[in-house]
Amino acid sequence: MLVLARRVNDSIVIGDNIEIVVVEIKGDQVKLGVKAPRELKVFRGEIYAEIQKENKAASESQVPGDLDRFLKKSP
């Protein structure tokens, strides 16, 4: 992990098109701005973890019995 010290309005650049800017520091809270292409998905860490958990649960779910029988009948 790279650890950097930054001040308000300082930034870091990731690759050619992602910039993280320190917008505000208040007490123990830091506000960051993310400049990235619209097609790039940017999530808070806890939201990303929840999405991964839901995706895993969905991939492990069982096919309902009626649907399973229907799919087996299909050519």
N, C-alpha and C. Protein backbone atom coordinates (compact mmCIF):
# COMPACT_ATOMS: atom_id res chain seq x y z
N MET A 1 0.85 -1.17 0.00
CA MET A 1 0.00 0.00 0.00
C MET A 1 0.90 1.24 0.00
N LEU A 2 0.56 2.16 -0.87
CA LEU A 2 1.27 3.44 -0.92
C LEU A 2 0.56 4.40 0.05
N VAL A 3 1.31 5.02 0.94
CA VAL A 3 0.75 5.98 1.89
C VAL A 3 1.36 7.34 1.59
N LEU A 4 0.49 8.34 1.38
CA LEU A 4 0.94 9.69 1.04
C LEU A 4 0.37 10.71 2.01
N ALA A 5 1.10 11.75 2.27
CA ALA A 5 0.59 12.89 3.03
C ALA A 5 0.17 13.95 2.01
N ARG A 6 -1.02 14.45 2.12
CA ARG A 6 -1.55 15.47 1.21
C ARG A 6 -2.24 16.55 2.02
N ARG A 7 -2.30 17.75 1.47
CA ARG A 7 -3.02 18.87 2.07
C ARG A 7 -4.24 19.19 1.22
N VAL A 8 -5.10 20.06 1.71
CA VAL A 8 -6.29 20.47 0.96
C VAL A 8 -5.85 20.99 -0.41
N ASN A 9 -6.57 20.58 -1.42
CA ASN A 9 -6.35 20.89 -2.84
C ASN A 9 -5.18 20.13 -3.46
N ASP A 10 -4.44 19.35 -2.67
CA ASP A 10 -3.43 18.47 -3.25
C ASP A 10 -4.13 17.27 -3.86
N SER A 11 -3.47 16.60 -4.78
CA SER A 11 -4.10 15.45 -5.42
C SER A 11 -3.09 14.35 -5.67
N ILE A 12 -3.61 13.20 -6.04
CA ILE A 12 -2.79 12.11 -6.56
C ILE A 12 -3.43 11.68 -7.87
N VAL A 13 -2.62 11.15 -8.77
CA VAL A 13 -3.11 10.73 -10.07
C VAL A 13 -2.86 9.24 -10.22
N ILE A 14 -3.88 8.52 -10.67
CA ILE A 14 -3.79 7.08 -10.89
C ILE A 14 -3.96 6.84 -12.39
N GLY A 15 -2.98 6.25 -13.00
CA GLY A 15 -3.03 6.04 -14.45
C GLY A 15 -3.05 7.37 -15.17
N ASP A 16 -3.70 7.38 -16.33
CA ASP A 16 -3.76 8.60 -17.14
C ASP A 16 -5.03 9.42 -16.92
N ASN A 17 -6.04 8.83 -16.25
CA ASN A 17 -7.32 9.53 -16.24
C ASN A 17 -8.08 9.49 -14.92
N ILE A 18 -7.40 9.21 -13.82
CA ILE A 18 -8.06 9.24 -12.51
C ILE A 18 -7.27 10.16 -11.59
N GLU A 19 -7.96 11.12 -11.00
CA GLU A 19 -7.32 12.04 -10.06
C GLU A 19 -8.13 12.08 -8.77
N ILE A 20 -7.47 11.91 -7.64
CA ILE A 20 -8.08 11.99 -6.32
C ILE A 20 -7.61 13.30 -5.69
N VAL A 21 -8.56 14.16 -5.29
CA VAL A 21 -8.24 15.49 -4.76
C VAL A 21 -8.72 15.58 -3.31
N VAL A 22 -7.89 16.10 -2.43
CA VAL A 22 -8.30 16.36 -1.05
C VAL A 22 -9.10 17.66 -1.07
N VAL A 23 -10.40 17.54 -0.79
CA VAL A 23 -11.30 18.69 -0.85
C VAL A 23 -11.35 19.43 0.48
N GLU A 24 -11.40 18.66 1.58
CA GLU A 24 -11.55 19.29 2.89
C GLU A 24 -11.04 18.34 3.97
N ILE A 25 -10.45 18.89 5.01
CA ILE A 25 -10.05 18.12 6.18
C ILE A 25 -10.68 18.79 7.39
N LYS A 26 -11.50 18.03 8.11
CA LYS A 26 -12.18 18.59 9.28
C LYS A 26 -12.11 17.55 10.39
N GLY A 27 -11.29 17.81 11.40
CA GLY A 27 -11.12 16.84 12.49
C GLY A 27 -10.52 15.56 11.96
N ASP A 28 -11.20 14.43 12.22
CA ASP A 28 -10.69 13.14 11.75
C ASP A 28 -11.35 12.69 10.45
N GLN A 29 -12.00 13.63 9.76
CA GLN A 29 -12.68 13.30 8.50
C GLN A 29 -12.01 14.02 7.33
N VAL A 30 -11.82 13.29 6.25
CA VAL A 30 -11.22 13.84 5.04
C VAL A 30 -12.22 13.70 3.91
N LYS A 31 -12.51 14.78 3.19
CA LYS A 31 -13.38 14.70 2.02
C LYS A 31 -12.51 14.65 0.78
N LEU A 32 -12.77 13.66 -0.04
CA LEU A 32 -12.02 13.46 -1.27
C LEU A 32 -12.91 13.67 -2.47
N GLY A 33 -12.34 14.20 -3.53
CA GLY A 33 -13.03 14.29 -4.81
C GLY A 33 -12.36 13.33 -5.77
N VAL A 34 -13.16 12.68 -6.61
CA VAL A 34 -12.62 11.73 -7.58
C VAL A 34 -12.96 12.23 -8.98
N LYS A 35 -11.94 12.50 -9.77
CA LYS A 35 -12.13 12.86 -11.17
C LYS A 35 -11.77 11.64 -12.00
N ALA A 36 -12.79 11.07 -12.66
CA ALA A 36 -12.57 9.84 -13.44
C ALA A 36 -13.57 9.82 -14.58
N PRO A 37 -13.29 9.05 -15.63
CA PRO A 37 -14.24 8.93 -16.73
C PRO A 37 -15.59 8.40 -16.22
N ARG A 38 -16.68 8.86 -16.82
CA ARG A 38 -18.02 8.44 -16.39
C ARG A 38 -18.23 6.94 -16.48
N GLU A 39 -17.59 6.30 -17.44
CA GLU A 39 -17.79 4.86 -17.60
C GLU A 39 -17.09 4.03 -16.53
N LEU A 40 -16.23 4.65 -15.74
CA LEU A 40 -15.54 3.97 -14.66
C LEU A 40 -16.40 4.03 -13.41
N LYS A 41 -16.68 2.87 -12.83
CA LYS A 41 -17.50 2.81 -11.62
C LYS A 41 -16.62 3.09 -10.41
N VAL A 42 -17.05 4.00 -9.55
CA VAL A 42 -16.32 4.35 -8.34
C VAL A 42 -17.26 4.15 -7.17
N PHE A 43 -16.86 3.32 -6.20
CA PHE A 43 -17.69 3.01 -5.04
C PHE A 43 -16.92 3.27 -3.76
N ARG A 44 -17.65 3.60 -2.69
CA ARG A 44 -17.05 3.59 -1.36
C ARG A 44 -16.75 2.14 -1.02
N GLY A 45 -15.72 1.89 -0.22
CA GLY A 45 -15.29 0.54 0.10
C GLY A 45 -16.39 -0.34 0.67
N GLU A 46 -17.17 0.19 1.61
CA GLU A 46 -18.22 -0.62 2.25
C GLU A 46 -19.35 -0.95 1.27
N ILE A 47 -19.62 -0.05 0.33
CA ILE A 47 -20.65 -0.32 -0.69
C ILE A 47 -20.15 -1.39 -1.65
N TYR A 48 -18.89 -1.31 -2.06
CA TYR A 48 -18.31 -2.30 -2.96
C TYR A 48 -18.34 -3.69 -2.32
N ALA A 49 -18.00 -3.78 -1.02
CA ALA A 49 -18.03 -5.06 -0.32
C ALA A 49 -19.44 -5.64 -0.30
N GLU A 50 -20.44 -4.80 -0.11
CA GLU A 50 -21.84 -5.26 -0.10
C GLU A 50 -22.26 -5.76 -1.49
N ILE A 51 -21.85 -5.07 -2.52
CA ILE A 51 -22.15 -5.51 -3.90
C ILE A 51 -21.52 -6.87 -4.16
N GLN A 52 -20.27 -7.06 -3.74
CA GLN A 52 -19.61 -8.34 -3.92
C GLN A 52 -20.33 -9.45 -3.17
N LYS A 53 -20.77 -9.15 -1.95
CA LYS A 53 -21.50 -10.13 -1.14
C LYS A 53 -22.81 -10.53 -1.82
N GLU A 54 -23.55 -9.55 -2.33
CA GLU A 54 -24.82 -9.83 -3.02
C GLU A 54 -24.58 -10.62 -4.31
N ASN A 55 -23.54 -10.29 -5.05
CA ASN A 55 -23.22 -11.02 -6.28
C ASN A 55 -22.88 -12.48 -5.97
N LYS A 56 -22.12 -12.70 -4.91
CA LYS A 56 -21.76 -14.06 -4.53
C LYS A 56 -23.00 -14.85 -4.12
N ALA A 57 -23.87 -14.23 -3.33
CA ALA A 57 -25.10 -14.90 -2.90
C ALA A 57 -25.97 -15.24 -4.09
N ALA A 58 -26.06 -14.34 -5.06
CA ALA A 58 -26.89 -14.59 -6.24
C ALA A 58 -26.31 -15.72 -7.08
N SER A 59 -25.00 -15.80 -7.17
CA SER A 59 -24.39 -16.85 -7.99
C SER A 59 -24.50 -18.22 -7.33
N GLU A 60 -24.70 -18.24 -6.02
CA GLU A 60 -24.81 -19.51 -5.29
C GLU A 60 -26.25 -19.94 -5.07
N SER A 61 -27.21 -19.09 -5.45
CA SER A 61 -28.61 -19.42 -5.19
C SER A 61 -29.07 -20.57 -6.07
N GLN A 62 -30.05 -21.29 -5.58
CA GLN A 62 -30.59 -22.45 -6.28
C GLN A 62 -31.67 -22.01 -7.27
N VAL A 63 -31.79 -22.75 -8.36
CA VAL A 63 -32.85 -22.49 -9.34
C VAL A 63 -34.14 -23.06 -8.77
N PRO A 64 -35.24 -22.28 -8.75
CA PRO A 64 -36.51 -22.81 -8.24
C PRO A 64 -36.91 -24.08 -8.98
N GLY A 65 -37.56 -25.00 -8.27
CA GLY A 65 -37.91 -26.31 -8.82
C GLY A 65 -38.63 -26.27 -10.15
N ASP A 66 -39.67 -25.46 -10.29
CA ASP A 66 -40.43 -25.39 -11.54
C ASP A 66 -39.55 -24.91 -12.69
N LEU A 67 -38.74 -23.91 -12.43
CA LEU A 67 -37.86 -23.38 -13.47
C LEU A 67 -36.81 -24.42 -13.83
N ASP A 68 -36.31 -25.14 -12.84
CA ASP A 68 -35.31 -26.18 -13.08
C ASP A 68 -35.89 -27.27 -14.00
N ARG A 69 -37.12 -27.70 -13.73
CA ARG A 69 -37.76 -28.72 -14.58
C ARG A 69 -37.99 -28.18 -15.98
N PHE A 70 -38.39 -26.91 -16.09
CA PHE A 70 -38.61 -26.31 -17.41
C PHE A 70 -37.32 -26.26 -18.21
N LEU A 71 -36.23 -25.86 -17.56
CA LEU A 71 -34.96 -25.76 -18.26
C LEU A 71 -34.46 -27.14 -18.72
N LYS A 72 -34.71 -28.17 -17.94
CA LYS A 72 -34.28 -29.52 -18.32
C LYS A 72 -35.05 -30.05 -19.52
N LYS A 73 -36.30 -29.56 -19.73
CA LYS A 73 -37.12 -29.99 -20.84
C LYS A 73 -36.70 -29.32 -22.15
N SER A 74 -36.08 -28.17 -22.02
CA SER A 74 -35.69 -27.41 -23.22
C SER A 74 -34.61 -28.15 -24.00
N PRO A 75 -34.68 -28.10 -25.36
CA PRO A 75 -33.68 -28.78 -26.17
C PRO A 75 -32.33 -28.15 -26.10
